[in-house]
PDB file of all heavy atoms in Angstrom:
ATOM      1  N   VAL A   1      31.563  19.777 -10.564  1.00  0.00           N
ATOM      2  CA  VAL A   1      31.038  18.408 -10.553  1.00  0.00           C
ATOM      3  C   VAL A   1      31.377  17.731  -9.230  1.00  0.00           C
ATOM      4  O   VAL A   1      30.527  17.074  -8.613  1.00  0.00           O
ATOM      5  CB  VAL A   1      31.616  17.601 -11.740  1.00  0.00           C
ATOM      6  CG1 VAL A   1      31.072  16.181 -11.731  1.00  0.00           C
ATOM      7  CG2 VAL A   1      31.288  18.277 -13.061  1.00  0.00           C
ATOM      8  N   LEU A   2      32.632  17.874  -8.794  1.00  0.00           N
ATOM      9  CA  LEU A   2      33.037  17.255  -7.531  1.00  0.00           C
ATOM     10  C   LEU A   2      32.252  17.828  -6.366  1.00  0.00           C
ATOM     11  O   LEU A   2      31.851  17.098  -5.453  1.00  0.00           O
ATOM     12  CB  LEU A   2      34.542  17.457  -7.306  1.00  0.00           C
ATOM     13  CG  LEU A   2      35.467  16.838  -8.360  1.00  0.00           C
ATOM     14  CD1 LEU A   2      36.911  17.148  -8.047  1.00  0.00           C
ATOM     15  CD2 LEU A   2      35.247  15.333  -8.449  1.00  0.00           C
ATOM     16  N   ARG A   3      32.021  19.130  -6.396  1.00  0.00           N
ATOM     17  CA  ARG A   3      31.252  19.764  -5.320  1.00  0.00           C
ATOM     18  C   ARG A   3      29.825  19.243  -5.300  1.00  0.00           C
ATOM     19  O   ARG A   3      29.240  19.014  -4.240  1.00  0.00           O
ATOM     20  CB  ARG A   3      31.277  21.285  -5.504  1.00  0.00           C
ATOM     21  CG  ARG A   3      30.732  22.056  -4.313  1.00  0.00           C
ATOM     22  CD  ARG A   3      30.774  23.552  -4.542  1.00  0.00           C
ATOM     23  NE  ARG A   3      32.107  24.025  -4.854  1.00  0.00           N
ATOM     24  CZ  ARG A   3      32.495  24.446  -6.046  1.00  0.00           C
ATOM     25  NH1 ARG A   3      31.626  24.463  -7.043  1.00  0.00           N
ATOM     26  NH2 ARG A   3      33.724  24.859  -6.258  1.00  0.00           N
ATOM     27  N   HIS A   4      29.269  19.027  -6.490  1.00  0.00           N
ATOM     28  CA  HIS A   4      27.905  18.490  -6.587  1.00  0.00           C
ATOM     29  C   HIS A   4      27.850  17.065  -6.033  1.00  0.00           C
ATOM     30  O   HIS A   4      26.920  16.701  -5.314  1.00  0.00           O
ATOM     31  CB  HIS A   4      27.444  18.503  -8.050  1.00  0.00           C
ATOM     32  CG  HIS A   4      26.067  17.964  -8.248  1.00  0.00           C
ATOM     33  ND1 HIS A   4      24.942  18.741  -8.100  1.00  0.00           N
ATOM     34  CD2 HIS A   4      25.627  16.719  -8.579  1.00  0.00           C
ATOM     35  CE1 HIS A   4      23.871  17.994  -8.328  1.00  0.00           C
ATOM     36  NE2 HIS A   4      24.261  16.767  -8.625  1.00  0.00           N
ATOM     37  N   LEU A   5      28.887  16.266  -6.361  1.00  0.00           N
ATOM     38  CA  LEU A   5      28.907  14.881  -5.888  1.00  0.00           C
ATOM     39  C   LEU A   5      29.132  14.787  -4.392  1.00  0.00           C
ATOM     40  O   LEU A   5      28.669  13.849  -3.737  1.00  0.00           O
ATOM     41  CB  LEU A   5      30.012  14.107  -6.615  1.00  0.00           C
ATOM     42  CG  LEU A   5      29.807  13.904  -8.125  1.00  0.00           C
ATOM     43  CD1 LEU A   5      31.023  13.251  -8.737  1.00  0.00           C
ATOM     44  CD2 LEU A   5      28.560  13.067  -8.379  1.00  0.00           C
ATOM     45  N   GLU A   6      29.855  15.755  -3.837  1.00  0.00           N
ATOM     46  CA  GLU A   6      30.133  15.740  -2.404  1.00  0.00           C
ATOM     47  C   GLU A   6      29.024  16.358  -1.579  1.00  0.00           C
ATOM     48  O   GLU A   6      29.079  16.340  -0.359  1.00  0.00           O
ATOM     49  CB  GLU A   6      31.440  16.487  -2.119  1.00  0.00           C
ATOM     50  CG  GLU A   6      32.667  15.799  -2.691  1.00  0.00           C
ATOM     51  CD  GLU A   6      33.903  16.656  -2.590  1.00  0.00           C
ATOM     52  OE1 GLU A   6      33.774  17.804  -2.109  1.00  0.00           O
ATOM     53  OE2 GLU A   6      34.985  16.204  -3.003  1.00  0.00           O
ATOM     54  N   GLY A   7      27.990  16.899  -2.252  1.00  0.00           N
ATOM     55  CA  GLY A   7      26.894  17.537  -1.540  1.00  0.00           C
ATOM     56  C   GLY A   7      25.987  16.526  -0.881  1.00  0.00           C
ATOM     57  O   GLY A   7      26.251  15.318  -0.856  1.00  0.00           O
ATOM     58  N   PRO A   8      24.848  17.002  -0.297  1.00  0.00           N
ATOM     59  CA  PRO A   8      23.906  16.094   0.366  1.00  0.00           C
ATOM     60  C   PRO A   8      23.450  15.000  -0.579  1.00  0.00           C
ATOM     61  O   PRO A   8      23.053  15.255  -1.708  1.00  0.00           O
ATOM     62  CB  PRO A   8      22.744  17.022   0.760  1.00  0.00           C
ATOM     63  CG  PRO A   8      23.343  18.372   0.807  1.00  0.00           C
ATOM     64  CD  PRO A   8      24.413  18.391  -0.245  1.00  0.00           C
ATOM     65  N   ALA A   9      23.522  13.756  -0.134  1.00  0.00           N
ATOM     66  CA  ALA A   9      23.239  12.617  -0.999  1.00  0.00           C
ATOM     67  C   ALA A   9      21.780  12.229  -1.013  1.00  0.00           C
ATOM     68  O   ALA A   9      21.356  11.429  -1.841  1.00  0.00           O
ATOM     69  CB  ALA A   9      24.071  11.404  -0.543  1.00  0.00           C
ATOM     70  N   GLU A  10      20.946  12.787  -0.061  1.00  0.00           N
ATOM     71  CA  GLU A  10      19.578  12.315   0.024  1.00  0.00           C
ATOM     72  C   GLU A  10      18.801  12.567  -1.258  1.00  0.00           C
ATOM     73  O   GLU A  10      18.116  11.709  -1.788  1.00  0.00           O
ATOM     74  CB  GLU A  10      18.850  12.998   1.191  1.00  0.00           C
ATOM     75  CG  GLU A  10      19.368  12.594   2.561  1.00  0.00           C
ATOM     76  CD  GLU A  10      20.639  13.329   2.951  1.00  0.00           C
ATOM     77  OE1 GLU A  10      21.092  14.154   2.153  1.00  0.00           O
ATOM     78  OE2 GLU A  10      21.167  13.068   4.045  1.00  0.00           O
ATOM     79  N   GLY A  11      18.956  13.812  -1.778  1.00  0.00           N
ATOM     80  CA  GLY A  11      18.188  14.148  -2.970  1.00  0.00           C
ATOM     81  C   GLY A  11      18.603  13.328  -4.157  1.00  0.00           C
ATOM     82  O   GLY A  11      17.785  12.902  -4.959  1.00  0.00           O
ATOM     83  N   ARG A  12      19.932  13.061  -4.299  1.00  0.00           N
ATOM     84  CA  ARG A  12      20.382  12.305  -5.469  1.00  0.00           C
ATOM     85  C   ARG A  12      19.942  10.861  -5.393  1.00  0.00           C
ATOM     86  O   ARG A  12      19.496  10.276  -6.361  1.00  0.00           O
ATOM     87  CB  ARG A  12      21.907  12.386  -5.577  1.00  0.00           C
ATOM     88  CG  ARG A  12      22.444  13.757  -5.847  1.00  0.00           C
ATOM     89  CD  ARG A  12      23.880  13.663  -6.360  1.00  0.00           C
ATOM     90  NE  ARG A  12      24.704  12.887  -5.481  1.00  0.00           N
ATOM     91  CZ  ARG A  12      25.334  13.399  -4.422  1.00  0.00           C
ATOM     92  NH1 ARG A  12      25.184  14.668  -4.132  1.00  0.00           N
ATOM     93  NH2 ARG A  12      26.109  12.648  -3.658  1.00  0.00           N
ATOM     94  N   SER A  13      20.056  10.244  -4.207  1.00  0.00           N
ATOM     95  CA  SER A  13      19.704   8.838  -4.119  1.00  0.00           C
ATOM     96  C   SER A  13      18.218   8.655  -4.313  1.00  0.00           C
ATOM     97  O   SER A  13      17.761   7.683  -4.908  1.00  0.00           O
ATOM     98  CB  SER A  13      20.136   8.285  -2.755  1.00  0.00           C
ATOM     99  OG  SER A  13      19.522   9.015  -1.708  1.00  0.00           O
ATOM    100  N   ALA A  14      17.420   9.624  -3.803  1.00  0.00           N
ATOM    101  CA  ALA A  14      15.988   9.506  -3.977  1.00  0.00           C
ATOM    102  C   ALA A  14      15.605   9.647  -5.424  1.00  0.00           C
ATOM    103  O   ALA A  14      14.713   8.973  -5.927  1.00  0.00           O
ATOM    104  CB  ALA A  14      15.275  10.567  -3.124  1.00  0.00           C
ATOM    105  N   ALA A  15      16.303  10.542  -6.147  1.00  0.00           N
ATOM    106  CA  ALA A  15      15.961  10.754  -7.551  1.00  0.00           C
ATOM    107  C   ALA A  15      16.442   9.613  -8.409  1.00  0.00           C
ATOM    108  O   ALA A  15      15.837   9.271  -9.416  1.00  0.00           O
ATOM    109  CB  ALA A  15      16.568  12.066  -8.029  1.00  0.00           C
ATOM    110  N   ALA A  16      17.579   8.993  -8.022  1.00  0.00           N
ATOM    111  CA  ALA A  16      18.153   7.966  -8.869  1.00  0.00           C
ATOM    112  C   ALA A  16      17.530   6.606  -8.638  1.00  0.00           C
ATOM    113  O   ALA A  16      17.598   5.731  -9.498  1.00  0.00           O
ATOM    114  CB  ALA A  16      19.661   7.876  -8.630  1.00  0.00           C
ATOM    115  N   THR A  17      16.910   6.354  -7.464  1.00  0.00           N
ATOM    116  CA  THR A  17      16.372   5.037  -7.141  1.00  0.00           C
ATOM    117  C   THR A  17      14.932   4.953  -7.585  1.00  0.00           C
ATOM    118  O   THR A  17      14.096   5.749  -7.177  1.00  0.00           O
ATOM    119  CB  THR A  17      16.463   4.784  -5.626  1.00  0.00           C
ATOM    120  OG1 THR A  17      17.813   4.958  -5.220  1.00  0.00           O
ATOM    121  CG2 THR A  17      15.992   3.376  -5.283  1.00  0.00           C
ATOM    122  N   PRO A  18      14.565   4.001  -8.450  1.00  0.00           N
ATOM    123  CA  PRO A  18      13.173   3.881  -8.880  1.00  0.00           C
ATOM    124  C   PRO A  18      12.294   3.452  -7.722  1.00  0.00           C
ATOM    125  O   PRO A  18      12.724   2.762  -6.808  1.00  0.00           O
ATOM    126  CB  PRO A  18      13.244   2.817  -9.986  1.00  0.00           C
ATOM    127  CG  PRO A  18      14.476   2.029  -9.676  1.00  0.00           C
ATOM    128  CD  PRO A  18      15.431   2.976  -9.060  1.00  0.00           C
ATOM    129  N   SER A  19      11.035   3.897  -7.774  1.00  0.00           N
ATOM    130  CA  SER A  19      10.104   3.539  -6.708  1.00  0.00           C
ATOM    131  C   SER A  19       9.798   2.063  -6.757  1.00  0.00           C
ATOM    132  O   SER A  19       9.744   1.440  -7.825  1.00  0.00           O
ATOM    133  CB  SER A  19       8.820   4.365  -6.855  1.00  0.00           C
ATOM    134  OG  SER A  19       8.246   4.133  -8.117  1.00  0.00           O
ATOM    135  N   ALA A  20       9.576   1.451  -5.593  1.00  0.00           N
ATOM    136  CA  ALA A  20       9.319   0.020  -5.510  1.00  0.00           C
ATOM    137  C   ALA A  20       7.910  -0.277  -5.977  1.00  0.00           C
ATOM    138  O   ALA A  20       7.015   0.564  -5.910  1.00  0.00           O
ATOM    139  CB  ALA A  20       9.514  -0.439  -4.069  1.00  0.00           C
ATOM    140  N   PRO A  21       7.650  -1.493  -6.484  1.00  0.00           N
ATOM    141  CA  PRO A  21       6.287  -1.861  -6.883  1.00  0.00           C
ATOM    142  C   PRO A  21       5.347  -1.780  -5.699  1.00  0.00           C
ATOM    143  O   PRO A  21       5.745  -1.908  -4.537  1.00  0.00           O
ATOM    144  CB  PRO A  21       6.451  -3.290  -7.405  1.00  0.00           C
ATOM    145  CG  PRO A  21       7.900  -3.442  -7.710  1.00  0.00           C
ATOM    146  CD  PRO A  21       8.611  -2.548  -6.767  1.00  0.00           C
ATOM    147  N   ALA A  22       4.065  -1.622  -5.998  1.00  0.00           N
ATOM    148  CA  ALA A  22       3.077  -1.466  -4.932  1.00  0.00           C
ATOM    149  C   ALA A  22       2.997  -2.703  -4.066  1.00  0.00           C
ATOM    150  O   ALA A  22       2.808  -2.624  -2.849  1.00  0.00           O
ATOM    151  CB  ALA A  22       1.702  -1.143  -5.536  1.00  0.00           C
ATOM    152  N   GLU A  23       3.092  -3.905  -4.654  1.00  0.00           N
ATOM    153  CA  GLU A  23       2.970  -5.137  -3.890  1.00  0.00           C
ATOM    154  C   GLU A  23       4.245  -5.942  -4.039  1.00  0.00           C
ATOM    155  O   GLU A  23       4.276  -7.012  -4.615  1.00  0.00           O
ATOM    156  CB  GLU A  23       1.756  -5.941  -4.364  1.00  0.00           C
ATOM    157  CG  GLU A  23       0.424  -5.196  -4.161  1.00  0.00           C
ATOM    158  CD  GLU A  23      -0.757  -6.032  -4.623  1.00  0.00           C
ATOM    159  OE1 GLU A  23      -0.512  -7.153  -5.112  1.00  0.00           O
ATOM    160  OE2 GLU A  23      -1.882  -5.576  -4.490  1.00  0.00           O
ATOM    161  N   ALA A  24       5.341  -5.430  -3.531  1.00  0.00           N
ATOM    162  CA  ALA A  24       6.611  -6.136  -3.636  1.00  0.00           C
ATOM    163  C   ALA A  24       6.613  -7.312  -2.687  1.00  0.00           C
ATOM    164  O   ALA A  24       6.100  -7.218  -1.566  1.00  0.00           O
ATOM    165  CB  ALA A  24       7.763  -5.198  -3.303  1.00  0.00           C
ATOM    166  N   PRO A  25       7.191  -8.463  -3.097  1.00  0.00           N
ATOM    167  CA  PRO A  25       7.243  -9.627  -2.202  1.00  0.00           C
ATOM    168  C   PRO A  25       8.128  -9.327  -1.006  1.00  0.00           C
ATOM    169  O   PRO A  25       9.038  -8.519  -1.061  1.00  0.00           O
ATOM    170  CB  PRO A  25       7.853 -10.720  -3.090  1.00  0.00           C
ATOM    171  CG  PRO A  25       8.599  -9.976  -4.145  1.00  0.00           C
ATOM    172  CD  PRO A  25       7.807  -8.730  -4.390  1.00  0.00           C
ATOM    173  N   ALA A  26       7.803 -10.023   0.078  1.00  0.00           N
ATOM    174  CA  ALA A  26       8.576  -9.815   1.302  1.00  0.00           C
ATOM    175  C   ALA A  26      10.013 -10.207   1.081  1.00  0.00           C
ATOM    176  O   ALA A  26      10.314 -11.193   0.405  1.00  0.00           O
ATOM    177  CB  ALA A  26       7.977 -10.625   2.449  1.00  0.00           C
ATOM    178  N   ALA A  27      10.912  -9.434   1.644  1.00  0.00           N
ATOM    179  CA  ALA A  27      12.338  -9.710   1.483  1.00  0.00           C
ATOM    180  C   ALA A  27      12.725 -10.927   2.307  1.00  0.00           C
ATOM    181  O   ALA A  27      12.190 -11.142   3.403  1.00  0.00           O
ATOM    182  CB  ALA A  27      13.155  -8.506   1.916  1.00  0.00           C
ATOM    183  N   PRO A  28      13.639 -11.760   1.773  1.00  0.00           N
ATOM    184  CA  PRO A  28      14.068 -12.929   2.545  1.00  0.00           C
ATOM    185  C   PRO A  28      14.837 -12.488   3.779  1.00  0.00           C
ATOM    186  O   PRO A  28      15.393 -11.394   3.828  1.00  0.00           O
ATOM    187  CB  PRO A  28      14.988 -13.669   1.558  1.00  0.00           C
ATOM    188  CG  PRO A  28      15.454 -12.614   0.631  1.00  0.00           C
ATOM    189  CD  PRO A  28      14.305 -11.658   0.494  1.00  0.00           C
ATOM    190  N   PRO A  29      14.843 -13.346   4.800  1.00  0.00           N
ATOM    191  CA  PRO A  29      15.561 -12.962   6.023  1.00  0.00           C
ATOM    192  C   PRO A  29      17.024 -12.762   5.738  1.00  0.00           C
ATOM    193  O   PRO A  29      17.598 -13.431   4.868  1.00  0.00           O
ATOM    194  CB  PRO A  29      15.333 -14.165   6.963  1.00  0.00           C
ATOM    195  CG  PRO A  29      15.011 -15.298   6.051  1.00  0.00           C
ATOM    196  CD  PRO A  29      14.267 -14.701   4.895  1.00  0.00           C
ATOM    197  N   PRO A  30      17.661 -11.826   6.422  1.00  0.00           N
ATOM    198  CA  PRO A  30      19.076 -11.547   6.156  1.00  0.00           C
ATOM    199  C   PRO A  30      19.938 -12.738   6.546  1.00  0.00           C
ATOM    200  O   PRO A  30      19.620 -13.472   7.490  1.00  0.00           O
ATOM    201  CB  PRO A  30      19.372 -10.330   7.040  1.00  0.00           C
ATOM    202  CG  PRO A  30      18.353 -10.403   8.128  1.00  0.00           C
ATOM    203  CD  PRO A  30      17.127 -11.008   7.514  1.00  0.00           C
ATOM    204  N   PRO A  31      21.040 -12.967   5.800  1.00  0.00           N
ATOM    205  CA  PRO A  31      21.937 -14.069   6.146  1.00  0.00           C
ATOM    206  C   PRO A  31      22.660 -13.771   7.440  1.00  0.00           C
ATOM    207  O   PRO A  31      22.737 -12.621   7.879  1.00  0.00           O
ATOM    208  CB  PRO A  31      22.915 -14.088   4.962  1.00  0.00           C
ATOM    209  CG  PRO A  31      22.911 -12.700   4.451  1.00  0.00           C
ATOM    210  CD  PRO A  31      21.507 -12.202   4.654  1.00  0.00           C
ATOM    211  N   PRO A  32      23.159 -14.841   8.086  1.00  0.00           N
ATOM    212  CA  PRO A  32      23.886 -14.603   9.341  1.00  0.00           C
ATOM    213  C   PRO A  32      25.096 -13.735   9.092  1.00  0.00           C
ATOM    214  O   PRO A  32      25.679 -13.755   8.008  1.00  0.00           O
ATOM    215  CB  PRO A  32      24.288 -16.021   9.780  1.00  0.00           C
ATOM    216  CG  PRO A  32      24.247 -16.832   8.531  1.00  0.00           C
ATOM    217  CD  PRO A  32      23.144 -16.253   7.709  1.00  0.00           C
TER     218      PRO A  32
END
C-alpha cells in the first residue's frame, strides 16, 4: 500500500478528481 501511495501521483490524481463542468464560471482573481 505504501509503495502504491509513493508511486507516480499523476494517474491517481487524474482518476480521483472529477471532470469539470463544460461551462464552468470563470475563477475569481487570486488573492494577494
